[in-house]
N, C-alpha and C. Protein backbone atom coordinates (compact mmCIF):
# COMPACT_ATOMS: atom_id res chain seq x y z
N MET A 1 -182.59 64.48 -309.10
CA MET A 1 -183.59 64.63 -309.76
C MET A 1 -183.47 66.48 -310.08
N ARG A 2 -184.08 66.73 -311.38
CA ARG A 2 -184.02 67.87 -312.15
C ARG A 2 -185.50 68.68 -311.91
N GLY A 3 -184.99 70.00 -311.92
CA GLY A 3 -186.93 70.40 -311.99
C GLY A 3 -187.00 71.76 -311.24
N VAL A 4 -188.12 71.92 -310.98
CA VAL A 4 -188.27 72.94 -309.45
C VAL A 4 -189.42 72.58 -308.78
N THR A 5 -189.53 72.96 -307.54
CA THR A 5 -191.17 72.98 -306.94
C THR A 5 -191.72 73.92 -307.34
N LEU A 6 -192.84 73.25 -306.89
CA LEU A 6 -193.94 74.58 -307.04
C LEU A 6 -193.81 75.89 -306.23
N ALA A 7 -192.97 75.57 -305.14
CA ALA A 7 -192.95 76.90 -304.40
C ALA A 7 -192.08 78.09 -304.86
N GLU A 8 -190.73 77.23 -305.73
CA GLU A 8 -189.63 77.91 -306.55
C GLU A 8 -190.11 78.95 -307.79
N LEU A 9 -190.89 77.78 -308.40
CA LEU A 9 -192.13 78.54 -309.11
C LEU A 9 -192.90 79.79 -309.23
N LEU A 10 -193.39 79.96 -308.03
CA LEU A 10 -194.59 80.63 -307.50
C LEU A 10 -193.71 82.00 -306.99
N THR A 11 -192.43 81.48 -306.72
CA THR A 11 -192.26 83.03 -306.04
C THR A 11 -191.32 83.41 -307.41
N GLY A 12 -190.43 82.44 -308.10
CA GLY A 12 -190.61 83.31 -309.52
C GLY A 12 -191.55 83.94 -310.21
N ILE A 13 -192.50 83.76 -310.07
CA ILE A 13 -193.73 84.44 -311.36
C ILE A 13 -194.29 85.85 -309.96
N VAL A 14 -193.90 85.31 -308.70
CA VAL A 14 -194.35 86.87 -308.13
C VAL A 14 -193.27 87.89 -308.01
N ILE A 15 -191.93 87.58 -308.38
CA ILE A 15 -191.03 88.55 -308.76
C ILE A 15 -191.00 89.18 -309.66
N VAL A 16 -191.04 88.26 -310.94
CA VAL A 16 -191.36 88.91 -312.71
C VAL A 16 -192.95 90.02 -312.39
N GLY A 17 -193.68 89.39 -311.26
CA GLY A 17 -195.04 90.66 -311.72
C GLY A 17 -194.26 91.74 -310.42
N VAL A 18 -193.85 91.34 -309.57
CA VAL A 18 -193.66 92.91 -308.97
C VAL A 18 -192.60 93.67 -309.70
N ILE A 19 -191.59 93.31 -310.21
CA ILE A 19 -190.57 93.79 -311.08
C ILE A 19 -191.72 94.31 -312.43
N THR A 20 -192.63 93.79 -313.24
CA THR A 20 -193.19 94.51 -314.02
C THR A 20 -194.03 95.41 -313.50
N GLY A 21 -194.88 95.15 -312.53
CA GLY A 21 -195.52 95.91 -312.02
C GLY A 21 -194.81 97.20 -311.66
N LEU A 22 -193.99 97.20 -311.34
CA LEU A 22 -193.02 98.87 -310.76
C LEU A 22 -192.17 99.12 -312.08
N GLY A 23 -192.30 98.39 -313.52
CA GLY A 23 -191.75 98.93 -314.84
C GLY A 23 -192.97 99.44 -315.66
N ILE A 24 -194.54 98.87 -315.79
CA ILE A 24 -195.22 99.71 -316.26
C ILE A 24 -195.74 100.99 -315.91
N PRO A 25 -195.90 101.59 -314.81
CA PRO A 25 -196.23 103.14 -314.63
C PRO A 25 -195.02 103.78 -315.46
N ASN A 26 -193.54 103.54 -314.93
CA ASN A 26 -192.59 104.27 -315.50
C ASN A 26 -192.75 104.21 -317.36
N ALA A 27 -193.02 103.14 -317.77
CA ALA A 27 -192.89 103.20 -319.15
C ALA A 27 -194.25 103.71 -320.00
N MET A 28 -194.88 103.56 -319.02
CA MET A 28 -196.35 104.60 -319.65
C MET A 28 -196.04 106.69 -319.56
N ALA A 29 -195.36 106.66 -318.08
CA ALA A 29 -194.55 108.24 -317.88
C ALA A 29 -194.34 108.43 -319.37
N LEU A 30 -193.13 107.33 -319.75
CA LEU A 30 -191.78 108.41 -320.59
C LEU A 30 -192.22 107.77 -321.60
N ALA A 31 -193.65 107.07 -322.14
CA ALA A 31 -194.18 107.66 -323.58
C ALA A 31 -195.11 108.51 -323.44
N ASP A 32 -195.68 109.06 -322.56
CA ASP A 32 -196.73 109.92 -321.96
C ASP A 32 -195.54 111.43 -322.39
N ARG A 33 -194.47 111.25 -321.94
CA ARG A 33 -193.65 112.91 -321.81
C ARG A 33 -193.23 112.74 -323.43
N LEU A 34 -192.84 111.27 -324.17
CA LEU A 34 -192.29 111.86 -325.24
C LEU A 34 -193.39 111.97 -326.58
N ALA A 35 -194.91 111.44 -326.36
CA ALA A 35 -195.38 111.89 -327.07
C ALA A 35 -195.73 113.84 -326.61
N VAL A 36 -195.73 114.44 -325.85
CA VAL A 36 -195.87 115.75 -325.41
C VAL A 36 -195.08 116.26 -325.82
N GLU A 37 -193.67 116.03 -325.67
CA GLU A 37 -192.32 116.92 -326.19
C GLU A 37 -192.54 116.76 -327.48
N ARG A 38 -192.80 115.68 -328.03
CA ARG A 38 -192.75 115.34 -329.73
C ARG A 38 -194.05 116.31 -330.31
N GLN A 39 -195.21 116.59 -329.74
CA GLN A 39 -195.95 117.51 -330.06
C GLN A 39 -195.64 119.16 -329.92
N ALA A 40 -195.14 119.24 -328.98
CA ALA A 40 -194.81 120.70 -329.00
C ALA A 40 -193.55 121.04 -329.61
N ALA A 41 -192.58 120.19 -330.21
CA ALA A 41 -191.47 120.22 -331.30
C ALA A 41 -192.16 120.59 -332.62
N VAL A 42 -193.53 119.99 -332.78
CA VAL A 42 -194.20 120.31 -334.35
C VAL A 42 -194.64 121.18 -334.18
N VAL A 43 -195.20 122.00 -333.11
CA VAL A 43 -195.48 123.48 -333.07
C VAL A 43 -194.88 124.62 -333.08
N MET A 44 -193.57 123.92 -332.19
CA MET A 44 -192.39 125.25 -332.39
C MET A 44 -191.88 125.28 -333.60
N HIS A 45 -192.04 123.83 -334.51
CA HIS A 45 -191.47 124.14 -335.83
C HIS A 45 -192.38 124.54 -336.91
N GLY A 46 -193.62 124.20 -336.63
CA GLY A 46 -194.83 125.22 -337.35
C GLY A 46 -194.13 126.69 -337.36
N TYR A 47 -194.20 127.69 -336.42
CA TYR A 47 -193.73 128.33 -336.00
C TYR A 47 -192.25 129.07 -336.68
N GLN A 48 -191.58 128.35 -336.57
CA GLN A 48 -190.58 128.49 -337.29
C GLN A 48 -190.27 128.53 -338.79
N ARG A 49 -191.20 127.69 -338.95
CA ARG A 49 -191.49 127.43 -340.61
C ARG A 49 -192.84 128.42 -341.25
N ALA A 50 -193.41 128.90 -340.27
CA ALA A 50 -194.81 129.85 -340.67
C ALA A 50 -193.53 131.37 -340.58
N ARG A 51 -192.75 131.31 -339.69
CA ARG A 51 -191.67 132.40 -339.81
C ARG A 51 -191.11 133.00 -341.01
N LEU A 52 -190.31 131.96 -341.44
CA LEU A 52 -189.14 131.30 -341.92
C LEU A 52 -189.98 132.01 -343.44
N ALA A 53 -191.15 131.63 -343.60
CA ALA A 53 -192.43 131.91 -345.23
C ALA A 53 -192.10 133.10 -345.21
N ALA A 54 -192.85 133.70 -344.22
CA ALA A 54 -193.31 135.22 -344.67
C ALA A 54 -191.94 135.94 -344.26
N LEU A 55 -190.74 135.64 -344.00
CA LEU A 55 -189.87 136.67 -344.64
C LEU A 55 -189.57 136.15 -345.30
N THR A 56 -188.99 134.93 -346.31
CA THR A 56 -188.37 135.15 -347.40
C THR A 56 -189.54 135.24 -348.69
N SER A 57 -191.02 134.66 -348.37
CA SER A 57 -191.66 135.21 -349.34
C SER A 57 -192.35 136.59 -349.53
N LEU A 58 -191.78 137.19 -348.66
CA LEU A 58 -192.67 138.44 -348.83
C LEU A 58 -194.03 138.57 -348.56
N GLN A 59 -194.76 137.76 -347.73
CA GLN A 59 -195.92 137.23 -347.76
C GLN A 59 -196.37 137.16 -346.25
N PRO A 60 -197.75 137.55 -346.14
CA PRO A 60 -198.07 137.26 -344.71
C PRO A 60 -198.52 135.62 -344.76
N VAL A 61 -198.57 135.02 -343.57
CA VAL A 61 -198.53 133.97 -343.58
C VAL A 61 -199.54 132.97 -342.58
N ARG A 62 -200.33 132.32 -342.51
CA ARG A 62 -201.24 131.67 -341.48
C ARG A 62 -200.73 130.75 -340.75
N LEU A 63 -200.44 130.41 -339.32
CA LEU A 63 -200.38 129.30 -339.13
C LEU A 63 -201.62 129.13 -338.03
N THR A 64 -202.44 127.78 -337.99
CA THR A 64 -203.24 127.11 -337.72
C THR A 64 -202.85 126.07 -336.50
N VAL A 65 -202.98 125.68 -335.49
CA VAL A 65 -202.97 124.82 -334.39
C VAL A 65 -203.97 124.19 -334.14
N GLN A 66 -204.46 123.13 -334.45
CA GLN A 66 -205.94 122.59 -334.36
C GLN A 66 -205.31 121.02 -333.54
N PRO A 67 -206.30 120.17 -333.31
CA PRO A 67 -206.23 119.40 -332.43
C PRO A 67 -205.74 117.98 -333.61
N ASP A 68 -206.58 117.96 -334.68
CA ASP A 68 -206.02 117.25 -335.90
C ASP A 68 -204.86 117.28 -336.69
N ARG A 69 -204.75 118.74 -337.14
CA ARG A 69 -203.63 119.28 -338.03
C ARG A 69 -203.15 120.17 -337.44
N THR A 70 -201.78 121.04 -338.19
CA THR A 70 -200.97 121.93 -337.77
C THR A 70 -200.52 122.82 -339.10
N THR A 71 -200.83 123.67 -339.53
CA THR A 71 -200.83 123.99 -340.66
C THR A 71 -200.43 125.52 -340.99
N VAL A 72 -199.52 125.51 -342.18
CA VAL A 72 -198.86 127.11 -342.37
C VAL A 72 -199.41 127.21 -343.80
N TYR A 73 -199.66 128.36 -344.07
CA TYR A 73 -201.03 128.92 -345.66
C TYR A 73 -200.07 130.20 -345.90
N LEU A 74 -199.60 130.20 -346.92
CA LEU A 74 -199.23 131.62 -347.64
C LEU A 74 -200.80 132.23 -348.08
N LEU A 75 -200.81 133.69 -347.10
CA LEU A 75 -202.16 134.21 -347.33
C LEU A 75 -202.23 134.87 -348.77
N SER A 76 -201.27 135.71 -349.31
CA SER A 76 -201.15 136.26 -351.02
C SER A 76 -200.15 136.21 -351.45
N ASP A 77 -200.45 136.38 -352.67
CA ASP A 77 -199.27 136.24 -353.39
C ASP A 77 -198.54 138.12 -353.74
N ARG A 78 -197.62 138.22 -354.59
CA ARG A 78 -196.95 139.02 -354.91
C ARG A 78 -197.82 140.57 -355.33
N SER A 79 -198.74 139.84 -356.00
CA SER A 79 -199.46 140.71 -356.99
C SER A 79 -200.80 141.34 -356.02
N GLY A 80 -200.80 140.92 -354.98
CA GLY A 80 -202.10 141.00 -353.97
C GLY A 80 -202.96 140.36 -353.89
N THR A 81 -203.62 139.23 -354.40
CA THR A 81 -204.42 139.01 -355.05
C THR A 81 -204.48 137.71 -353.92
N ARG A 82 -205.95 137.47 -353.08
CA ARG A 82 -205.83 136.67 -352.19
C ARG A 82 -205.84 135.62 -352.52
N ASP A 83 -204.69 133.90 -351.62
CA ASP A 83 -204.64 132.63 -352.10
C ASP A 83 -204.40 132.60 -350.60
N SER A 84 -204.26 131.07 -350.96
CA SER A 84 -204.26 130.52 -349.45
C SER A 84 -203.18 128.77 -349.67
N THR A 85 -202.37 129.00 -350.59
CA THR A 85 -201.31 127.85 -351.09
C THR A 85 -200.87 127.57 -349.59
N LEU A 86 -201.02 125.92 -349.33
CA LEU A 86 -200.52 125.39 -348.76
C LEU A 86 -198.87 125.34 -348.39
N ALA A 87 -198.25 125.91 -347.23
CA ALA A 87 -196.84 125.84 -347.59
C ALA A 87 -196.23 124.62 -346.59
N TRP A 88 -196.65 124.46 -345.34
CA TRP A 88 -196.46 123.15 -344.56
C TRP A 88 -197.52 122.88 -343.80
N ASP A 89 -197.45 121.23 -343.56
CA ASP A 89 -198.78 120.76 -343.20
C ASP A 89 -198.16 119.32 -341.76
N ALA A 90 -198.86 118.86 -340.57
CA ALA A 90 -198.30 118.09 -339.93
C ALA A 90 -199.40 117.38 -339.40
N PRO A 91 -199.60 116.47 -338.89
CA PRO A 91 -200.20 115.49 -338.10
C PRO A 91 -200.46 116.45 -336.64
N GLY A 92 -201.93 116.66 -336.09
CA GLY A 92 -202.13 117.40 -334.77
C GLY A 92 -201.69 116.68 -333.77
N PRO A 93 -201.89 117.24 -332.88
CA PRO A 93 -201.52 116.69 -331.44
C PRO A 93 -202.61 115.49 -330.97
N ALA A 94 -203.70 115.57 -331.37
CA ALA A 94 -204.71 114.26 -331.77
C ALA A 94 -203.84 113.28 -332.16
N SER A 95 -203.13 113.13 -332.97
CA SER A 95 -202.50 111.82 -333.32
C SER A 95 -201.48 110.96 -333.04
N GLU A 96 -201.32 111.60 -331.61
CA GLU A 96 -200.51 110.82 -330.67
C GLU A 96 -201.23 110.97 -329.49
N GLY A 97 -202.42 110.70 -329.34
CA GLY A 97 -203.11 110.75 -327.89
C GLY A 97 -202.83 112.29 -327.21
N VAL A 98 -202.67 112.85 -327.45
CA VAL A 98 -201.78 114.54 -326.93
C VAL A 98 -203.17 115.63 -326.71
N VAL A 99 -203.46 115.86 -325.32
CA VAL A 99 -204.67 116.93 -325.48
C VAL A 99 -204.32 118.26 -325.87
N LEU A 100 -205.20 119.13 -326.78
CA LEU A 100 -204.74 120.49 -327.37
C LEU A 100 -205.57 121.32 -325.89
N ARG A 101 -205.31 121.69 -324.98
CA ARG A 101 -206.69 122.01 -323.71
C ARG A 101 -206.35 124.08 -324.53
N SER A 102 -205.44 124.63 -324.84
CA SER A 102 -205.72 125.95 -325.08
C SER A 102 -204.80 126.12 -326.18
N SER A 103 -205.20 127.20 -327.11
CA SER A 103 -204.92 127.61 -328.63
C SER A 103 -205.49 128.74 -328.87
N PRO A 104 -204.43 129.72 -329.34
CA PRO A 104 -204.70 131.42 -329.34
C PRO A 104 -205.54 131.22 -330.79
N GLY A 105 -205.82 130.10 -331.52
CA GLY A 105 -206.51 129.75 -332.70
C GLY A 105 -205.51 130.24 -334.00
N SER A 106 -205.94 131.21 -335.25
CA SER A 106 -204.91 131.05 -336.03
C SER A 106 -204.15 132.42 -335.70
N VAL A 107 -202.53 132.19 -335.98
CA VAL A 107 -201.66 133.27 -336.05
C VAL A 107 -201.30 133.80 -337.47
N THR A 108 -201.25 135.00 -337.88
CA THR A 108 -200.71 135.49 -338.89
C THR A 108 -199.40 136.04 -338.64
N ILE A 109 -198.30 135.57 -339.42
CA ILE A 109 -196.92 135.93 -339.30
C ILE A 109 -196.52 136.87 -340.68
N VAL A 110 -196.51 138.26 -340.68
CA VAL A 110 -196.31 139.31 -341.68
C VAL A 110 -195.21 139.06 -342.20
N PRO A 111 -194.66 139.93 -343.19
CA PRO A 111 -193.41 139.70 -343.89
C PRO A 111 -191.97 140.01 -342.40
N SER A 112 -192.69 140.97 -341.67
CA SER A 112 -191.70 141.85 -341.00
C SER A 112 -191.40 140.15 -339.62
N GLY A 113 -191.88 139.15 -339.74
CA GLY A 113 -192.09 138.51 -338.37
C GLY A 113 -192.63 139.04 -337.48
N LEU A 114 -193.21 139.59 -337.53
CA LEU A 114 -194.12 140.16 -336.13
C LEU A 114 -195.68 138.81 -336.43
N ALA A 115 -195.97 138.53 -335.45
CA ALA A 115 -196.96 137.65 -335.18
C ALA A 115 -198.31 138.84 -335.10
N ILE A 116 -199.29 138.63 -335.81
CA ILE A 116 -200.81 139.35 -335.19
C ILE A 116 -201.84 138.03 -335.25
N GLY A 117 -202.46 138.71 -334.33
CA GLY A 117 -204.07 137.90 -333.67
C GLY A 117 -203.10 137.15 -332.54
N VAL A 118 -202.30 137.12 -332.25
CA VAL A 118 -201.58 136.83 -330.13
C VAL A 118 -200.74 137.81 -329.91
N GLY A 119 -201.00 137.34 -328.74
CA GLY A 119 -200.70 138.23 -327.72
C GLY A 119 -199.61 137.61 -326.47
N ASN A 120 -199.39 137.14 -326.31
CA ASN A 120 -199.12 135.89 -325.30
C ASN A 120 -200.17 134.55 -324.93
N GLY A 121 -200.42 134.89 -326.27
CA GLY A 121 -201.06 133.23 -326.52
C GLY A 121 -200.46 131.85 -326.09
N ARG A 122 -201.15 131.46 -325.55
CA ARG A 122 -200.77 129.93 -324.67
C ARG A 122 -201.29 128.72 -325.70
N TYR A 123 -200.51 127.49 -325.79
CA TYR A 123 -200.84 126.28 -326.32
C TYR A 123 -200.08 125.47 -325.49
N VAL A 124 -201.34 124.70 -324.60
CA VAL A 124 -201.36 124.13 -323.75
C VAL A 124 -201.36 122.40 -323.93
N LEU A 125 -200.23 121.52 -324.00
CA LEU A 125 -200.66 119.94 -324.69
C LEU A 125 -200.14 119.12 -323.44
N GLU A 126 -201.42 118.61 -323.30
CA GLU A 126 -201.23 117.10 -322.32
C GLU A 126 -201.06 115.52 -322.34
N ARG A 127 -201.29 115.14 -321.94
CA ARG A 127 -201.22 113.63 -322.11
C ARG A 127 -200.69 113.02 -320.89
N GLY A 128 -201.45 112.15 -320.22
CA GLY A 128 -201.50 111.62 -318.56
C GLY A 128 -201.43 112.68 -317.77
N ARG A 129 -199.67 112.25 -317.21
CA ARG A 129 -199.90 113.47 -316.16
C ARG A 129 -198.58 114.56 -316.61
N ILE A 130 -198.41 114.57 -318.20
CA ILE A 130 -197.48 115.15 -318.31
C ILE A 130 -197.78 116.01 -319.07
N SER A 131 -197.50 117.54 -318.93
CA SER A 131 -198.03 119.02 -319.43
C SER A 131 -197.35 119.90 -319.88
N ARG A 132 -197.34 120.30 -320.88
CA ARG A 132 -196.26 121.59 -321.85
C ARG A 132 -196.96 122.39 -321.91
N SER A 133 -196.01 124.22 -321.66
CA SER A 133 -197.39 125.41 -322.32
C SER A 133 -196.25 126.03 -322.80
N LEU A 134 -196.65 126.21 -324.39
CA LEU A 134 -195.51 126.94 -325.22
C LEU A 134 -196.52 128.40 -325.44
N VAL A 135 -195.57 129.40 -324.84
CA VAL A 135 -196.44 131.12 -325.14
C VAL A 135 -196.15 131.51 -326.59
N ALA A 136 -196.95 132.54 -326.96
CA ALA A 136 -196.51 132.86 -328.09
C ALA A 136 -196.39 134.04 -327.64
N SER A 137 -195.54 134.74 -328.60
CA SER A 137 -195.23 136.32 -328.15
C SER A 137 -196.15 137.28 -329.39
N ARG A 138 -195.78 138.48 -329.96
CA ARG A 138 -196.09 139.27 -330.68
C ARG A 138 -195.49 139.09 -331.66
N LEU A 139 -194.05 139.07 -331.04
CA LEU A 139 -192.91 139.24 -331.98
C LEU A 139 -192.28 138.09 -332.78
N GLY A 140 -193.66 137.11 -332.90
CA GLY A 140 -193.59 135.71 -333.38
C GLY A 140 -192.55 134.83 -332.91
N ARG A 141 -192.43 134.61 -332.15
CA ARG A 141 -191.27 134.08 -331.03
C ARG A 141 -192.46 132.88 -330.35
N LEU A 142 -191.65 131.80 -329.70
CA LEU A 142 -192.25 130.80 -329.21
C LEU A 142 -191.39 129.99 -327.97
N ARG A 143 -191.99 130.47 -326.80
CA ARG A 143 -191.00 129.79 -325.27
C ARG A 143 -191.96 128.69 -324.70
N VAL A 144 -190.96 127.65 -324.17
CA VAL A 144 -192.04 126.70 -323.47
C VAL A 144 -191.95 127.27 -322.03
N ASP A 145 -192.86 127.25 -321.64
CA ASP A 145 -193.26 126.97 -320.19
C ASP A 145 -193.07 125.61 -319.55
N ARG A 146 -192.37 125.04 -318.32
CA ARG A 146 -192.69 123.95 -318.25
C ARG A 146 -193.81 123.45 -316.96
């Protein structure tokens, strides 16, 4: 005779259920961690792009991190007239289900590389149990607080 008994079949199903039950929370935590780290990288990249744009164009640059968009705008051209040319744009944290708990709002980076409108401003990104805090300094730098 070939085949399995009902007891063997149920034992196999229970073992697969236990293994799956243990693996799903770990997979969810990993997905949360990856989403938060990706969005932290987007904010950090935005700061780098804004600072580099200010230094190379010799124009003030405004960086705005909002739940739906992260943007970098050039604020004025060389003749001094006000302009708001989009220099960089990326989807915000909400695009990956990450919540932006705290944000200093718009930060202006001047051609010297210094940030105006922020003094130890904090971006807090959360999803699930995972949280990352990014601190922006007046020097136009960003550091990650775990």
